[in-house]
Amino acid sequence: MTHAFYIAMSYGIAALVSLCLIAWVWLDGRARARELAELEASGVRRRSSPVAKGDRT
Protein backbone atom coordinates (compact mmCIF):
# COMPACT_ATOMS: atom_id res chain seq x y z
CA MET A 1 0.00 0.00 0.00
CA THR A 2 1.34 3.35 -1.01
CA HIS A 3 0.59 6.85 0.15
CA ALA A 4 -1.10 7.50 -3.20
CA PHE A 5 -3.61 4.73 -2.43
CA TYR A 6 -4.60 6.31 0.88
CA ILE A 7 -4.83 9.76 -0.67
CA ALA A 8 -6.99 8.47 -3.54
CA MET A 9 -9.16 6.51 -1.09
CA SER A 10 -9.68 9.56 1.12
CA TYR A 11 -10.69 11.68 -1.90
CA GLY A 12 -13.04 8.92 -3.06
CA ILE A 13 -14.69 8.61 0.35
CA ALA A 14 -15.01 12.39 0.65
CA ALA A 15 -16.63 12.54 -2.81
CA LEU A 16 -19.00 9.71 -1.92
CA VAL A 17 -20.05 11.38 1.34
CA SER A 18 -20.54 14.70 -0.47
CA LEU A 19 -22.71 13.07 -3.14
CA CYS A 20 -24.78 11.30 -0.50
CA LEU A 21 -25.38 14.58 1.35
CA ILE A 22 -26.35 16.37 -1.87
CA ALA A 23 -28.80 13.57 -2.76
CA TRP A 24 -30.26 13.60 0.76
CA VAL A 25 -30.85 17.36 0.72
CA TRP A 26 -32.35 17.21 -2.79
CA LEU A 27 -34.71 14.34 -1.93
CA ASP A 28 -35.70 15.98 1.36
CA GLY A 29 -36.45 19.24 -0.44
CA ARG A 30 -38.74 17.42 -2.86
CA ALA A 31 -40.53 15.73 0.04
CA ARG A 32 -41.03 19.05 1.87
CA ALA A 33 -42.35 20.68 -1.33
CA ARG A 34 -44.80 17.79 -1.74
CA GLU A 35 -45.96 18.19 1.88
CA LEU A 36 -46.45 21.94 1.38
CA ALA A 37 -48.48 21.30 -1.75
CA GLU A 38 -50.70 18.84 0.15
CA LEU A 39 -51.22 21.33 2.98
CA GLU A 40 -52.07 24.15 0.57
CA ALA A 41 -54.48 21.87 -1.32
CA SER A 42 -56.23 21.07 1.97
CA GLY A 43 -56.72 24.77 2.72
CA VAL A 44 -53.80 25.48 5.04
CA ARG A 45 -52.00 28.65 3.96
CA ARG A 46 -48.58 30.05 4.75
CA ARG A 47 -48.36 33.08 7.00
CA SER A 48 -46.17 34.81 4.44
CA SER A 49 -48.65 34.42 1.59
CA PRO A 50 -50.86 37.40 0.75
CA VAL A 51 -54.31 37.31 2.32
CA ALA A 52 -57.35 37.77 0.09
CA LYS A 53 -59.70 40.59 1.12
CA GLY A 54 -62.52 38.27 2.18
CA ASP A 55 -60.29 35.82 4.08
CA ARG A 56 -59.15 38.02 6.98
CA THR A 57 -60.10 36.68 10.40
C-alpha atoms as a PDB file:
ATOM      1  CA  MET A   1       0.000   0.000   0.000  1.00  0.00           C
ATOM      2  CA  THR A   2       1.344   3.353  -1.012  1.00  0.00           C
ATOM      3  CA  HIS A   3       0.592   6.846   0.150  1.00  0.00           C
ATOM      4  CA  ALA A   4      -1.097   7.505  -3.198  1.00  0.00           C
ATOM      5  CA  PHE A   5      -3.610   4.731  -2.429  1.00  0.00           C
ATOM      6  CA  TYR A   6      -4.595   6.311   0.877  1.00  0.00           C
ATOM      7  CA  ILE A   7      -4.832   9.760  -0.674  1.00  0.00           C
ATOM      8  CA  ALA A   8      -6.987   8.468  -3.536  1.00  0.00           C
ATOM      9  CA  MET A   9      -9.157   6.511  -1.093  1.00  0.00           C
ATOM     10  CA  SER A  10      -9.685   9.561   1.117  1.00  0.00           C
ATOM     11  CA  TYR A  11     -10.692  11.678  -1.900  1.00  0.00           C
ATOM     12  CA  GLY A  12     -13.043   8.919  -3.056  1.00  0.00           C
ATOM     13  CA  ILE A  13     -14.689   8.606   0.350  1.00  0.00           C
ATOM     14  CA  ALA A  14     -15.015  12.394   0.648  1.00  0.00           C
ATOM     15  CA  ALA A  15     -16.627  12.537  -2.808  1.00  0.00           C
ATOM     16  CA  LEU A  16     -19.004   9.708  -1.919  1.00  0.00           C
ATOM     17  CA  VAL A  17     -20.052  11.378   1.339  1.00  0.00           C
ATOM     18  CA  SER A  18     -20.544  14.700  -0.469  1.00  0.00           C
ATOM     19  CA  LEU A  19     -22.715  13.073  -3.144  1.00  0.00           C
ATOM     20  CA  CYS A  20     -24.782  11.296  -0.497  1.00  0.00           C
ATOM     21  CA  LEU A  21     -25.383  14.577   1.352  1.00  0.00           C
ATOM     22  CA  ILE A  22     -26.352  16.366  -1.869  1.00  0.00           C
ATOM     23  CA  ALA A  23     -28.795  13.568  -2.759  1.00  0.00           C
ATOM     24  CA  TRP A  24     -30.259  13.595   0.762  1.00  0.00           C
ATOM     25  CA  VAL A  25     -30.852  17.358   0.720  1.00  0.00           C
ATOM     26  CA  TRP A  26     -32.349  17.215  -2.789  1.00  0.00           C
ATOM     27  CA  LEU A  27     -34.714  14.342  -1.930  1.00  0.00           C
ATOM     28  CA  ASP A  28     -35.701  15.977   1.365  1.00  0.00           C
ATOM     29  CA  GLY A  29     -36.449  19.243  -0.444  1.00  0.00           C
ATOM     30  CA  ARG A  30     -38.739  17.423  -2.861  1.00  0.00           C
ATOM     31  CA  ALA A  31     -40.527  15.731   0.043  1.00  0.00           C
ATOM     32  CA  ARG A  32     -41.032  19.051   1.869  1.00  0.00           C
ATOM     33  CA  ALA A  33     -42.353  20.678  -1.331  1.00  0.00           C
ATOM     34  CA  ARG A  34     -44.805  17.786  -1.735  1.00  0.00           C
ATOM     35  CA  GLU A  35     -45.962  18.186   1.882  1.00  0.00           C
ATOM     36  CA  LEU A  36     -46.454  21.937   1.384  1.00  0.00           C
ATOM     37  CA  ALA A  37     -48.485  21.300  -1.755  1.00  0.00           C
ATOM     38  CA  GLU A  38     -50.697  18.836   0.145  1.00  0.00           C
ATOM     39  CA  LEU A  39     -51.217  21.330   2.977  1.00  0.00           C
ATOM     40  CA  GLU A  40     -52.070  24.146   0.574  1.00  0.00           C
ATOM     41  CA  ALA A  41     -54.477  21.872  -1.315  1.00  0.00           C
ATOM     42  CA  SER A  42     -56.232  21.075   1.967  1.00  0.00           C
ATOM     43  CA  GLY A  43     -56.724  24.769   2.722  1.00  0.00           C
ATOM     44  CA  VAL A  44     -53.800  25.476   5.043  1.00  0.00           C
ATOM     45  CA  ARG A  45     -52.000  28.649   3.956  1.00  0.00           C
ATOM     46  CA  ARG A  46     -48.583  30.048   4.749  1.00  0.00           C
ATOM     47  CA  ARG A  47     -48.360  33.078   7.005  1.00  0.00           C
ATOM     48  CA  SER A  48     -46.169  34.811   4.441  1.00  0.00           C
ATOM     49  CA  SER A  49     -48.648  34.422   1.591  1.00  0.00           C
ATOM     50  CA  PRO A  50     -50.860  37.397   0.750  1.00  0.00           C
ATOM     51  CA  VAL A  51     -54.313  37.306   2.322  1.00  0.00           C
ATOM     52  CA  ALA A  52     -57.350  37.765   0.095  1.00  0.00           C
ATOM     53  CA  LYS A  53     -59.703  40.592   1.118  1.00  0.00           C
ATOM     54  CA  GLY A  54     -62.525  38.266   2.179  1.00  0.00           C
ATOM     55  CA  ASP A  55     -60.292  35.820   4.082  1.00  0.00           C
ATOM     56  CA  ARG A  56     -59.152  38.024   6.982  1.00  0.00           C
ATOM     57  CA  THR A  57     -60.099  36.680  10.402  1.00  0.00           C
END
